[in-house]
Protein backbone atom coordinates (compact mmCIF):
# COMPACT_ATOMS: atom_id res chain seq x y z
CA MET A 1 -49.04 -66.73 -2.53
CA ALA A 2 -46.18 -64.92 -1.04
CA GLN A 3 -46.57 -61.00 -0.83
CA TRP A 4 -44.83 -59.15 -2.98
CA ARG A 5 -41.94 -56.85 -1.81
CA THR A 6 -39.44 -54.01 -2.84
CA ALA A 7 -35.87 -55.14 -3.77
CA HIS A 8 -32.98 -53.68 -5.18
CA CYS A 9 -29.65 -55.11 -6.96
CA THR A 10 -27.25 -53.71 -8.87
CA GLU A 11 -27.76 -56.26 -11.87
CA LYS A 12 -30.90 -56.95 -13.35
CA LEU A 13 -32.00 -60.14 -12.20
CA PRO A 14 -34.36 -62.73 -14.14
CA GLU A 15 -38.20 -62.64 -14.08
CA LEU A 16 -38.33 -65.94 -13.20
CA ASP A 17 -35.53 -67.79 -11.01
CA THR A 18 -36.15 -71.47 -10.22
CA ALA A 19 -32.41 -72.49 -10.20
CA SER A 20 -30.39 -70.34 -7.56
CA SER A 21 -32.15 -71.82 -4.41
CA PRO A 22 -32.95 -75.40 -3.75
CA THR A 23 -35.85 -74.49 -1.66
CA THR A 24 -37.08 -70.97 -3.13
CA VAL A 25 -38.66 -69.73 -6.48
CA TYR A 26 -38.07 -66.01 -6.98
CA ARG A 27 -40.75 -64.14 -9.09
CA ARG A 28 -40.18 -60.35 -10.12
CA LYS A 29 -41.87 -57.68 -11.60
CA ASP A 30 -41.66 -53.89 -12.39
CA PHE A 31 -37.97 -53.53 -13.17
CA LYS A 32 -36.81 -49.81 -13.15
CA GLN A 33 -33.25 -48.43 -12.64
CA VAL A 34 -32.84 -45.57 -9.74
CA SER A 35 -29.96 -44.09 -8.49
CA TRP A 36 -28.48 -45.19 -4.88
CA GLU A 37 -26.84 -42.67 -2.80
CA SER A 38 -24.14 -44.68 -1.15
CA MET A 39 -22.23 -43.57 1.96
CA GLY A 40 -18.88 -42.57 1.36
CA GLU A 41 -19.44 -42.33 -2.63
CA GLU A 42 -19.61 -39.20 -4.05
CA ASP A 43 -21.45 -40.45 -7.13
CA PRO A 44 -24.47 -42.63 -7.10
CA VAL A 45 -24.85 -45.95 -8.01
CA GLN A 46 -27.46 -47.43 -10.74
CA MET A 47 -29.34 -49.74 -9.07
CA TRP A 48 -32.31 -51.96 -10.26
CA GLU A 49 -35.42 -51.75 -8.28
CA PHE A 50 -38.23 -54.24 -8.56
CA GLN A 51 -41.05 -56.25 -6.86
CA GLU A 52 -39.98 -59.49 -5.79
CA GLN A 53 -41.90 -62.84 -4.10
CA GLU A 54 -40.10 -65.61 -2.38
CA ILE A 55 -42.08 -68.91 -2.87
CA PRO A 56 -41.07 -71.98 -1.43
CA ARG A 57 -40.41 -74.71 -4.08
CA GLU A 58 -42.87 -77.16 -2.50
CA GLU A 59 -45.56 -74.36 -3.23
CA TRP A 60 -44.49 -73.47 -6.59
CA ASP A 61 -44.15 -76.92 -8.08
CA GLN A 62 -47.56 -77.51 -6.63
CA TYR A 63 -49.04 -74.24 -8.37
CA ASN A 64 -47.07 -74.92 -11.44
CA SER A 65 -48.39 -78.57 -11.93
CA THR A 66 -52.08 -77.50 -11.14
CA SER A 67 -51.53 -74.46 -13.61
CA THR A 68 -50.21 -77.03 -15.99
CA GLN A 69 -53.26 -79.26 -15.63
CA GLN A 70 -55.79 -76.31 -16.18
CA ILE A 71 -53.84 -75.60 -19.28
CA MET A 72 -53.81 -79.05 -20.87
CA GLN A 73 -57.83 -79.48 -20.10
CA THR A 74 -58.80 -76.29 -21.74
CA LEU A 75 -56.50 -77.49 -24.60
CA ASN A 76 -58.17 -80.91 -24.84
CA ASP A 77 -61.50 -79.00 -24.52
CA LEU A 78 -60.83 -76.75 -27.54
CA LYS A 79 -59.92 -79.97 -29.58
CA ALA A 80 -62.94 -81.96 -28.65
CA ASP A 81 -65.19 -78.77 -29.74
CA VAL A 82 -63.19 -78.38 -33.34
CA ALA A 83 -63.75 -81.94 -34.06
CA PHE A 84 -67.38 -81.82 -32.92
CA LEU A 85 -67.49 -78.51 -35.45
CA SER A 86 -65.77 -80.37 -38.02
CA LEU A 87 -68.47 -83.22 -38.19
């Protein structure tokens, strides 16, 4: 999985972005507002600072598929346990 890096933006971006790029999925966390000193500006600009991962779409689809399969297997196991205990 890709490394986390610190990023900045003037607007708060979604934690999970699967739509803005056809080739990349963006995961974001740890949002906080910071003041950013801009050259030539008297007042600091309010920015969002956060941690971001850029994951290739193919890798994300594979990860997401594997996670879904694991969740479905766990749910099926739980259903079988409940059915057994109900006997």
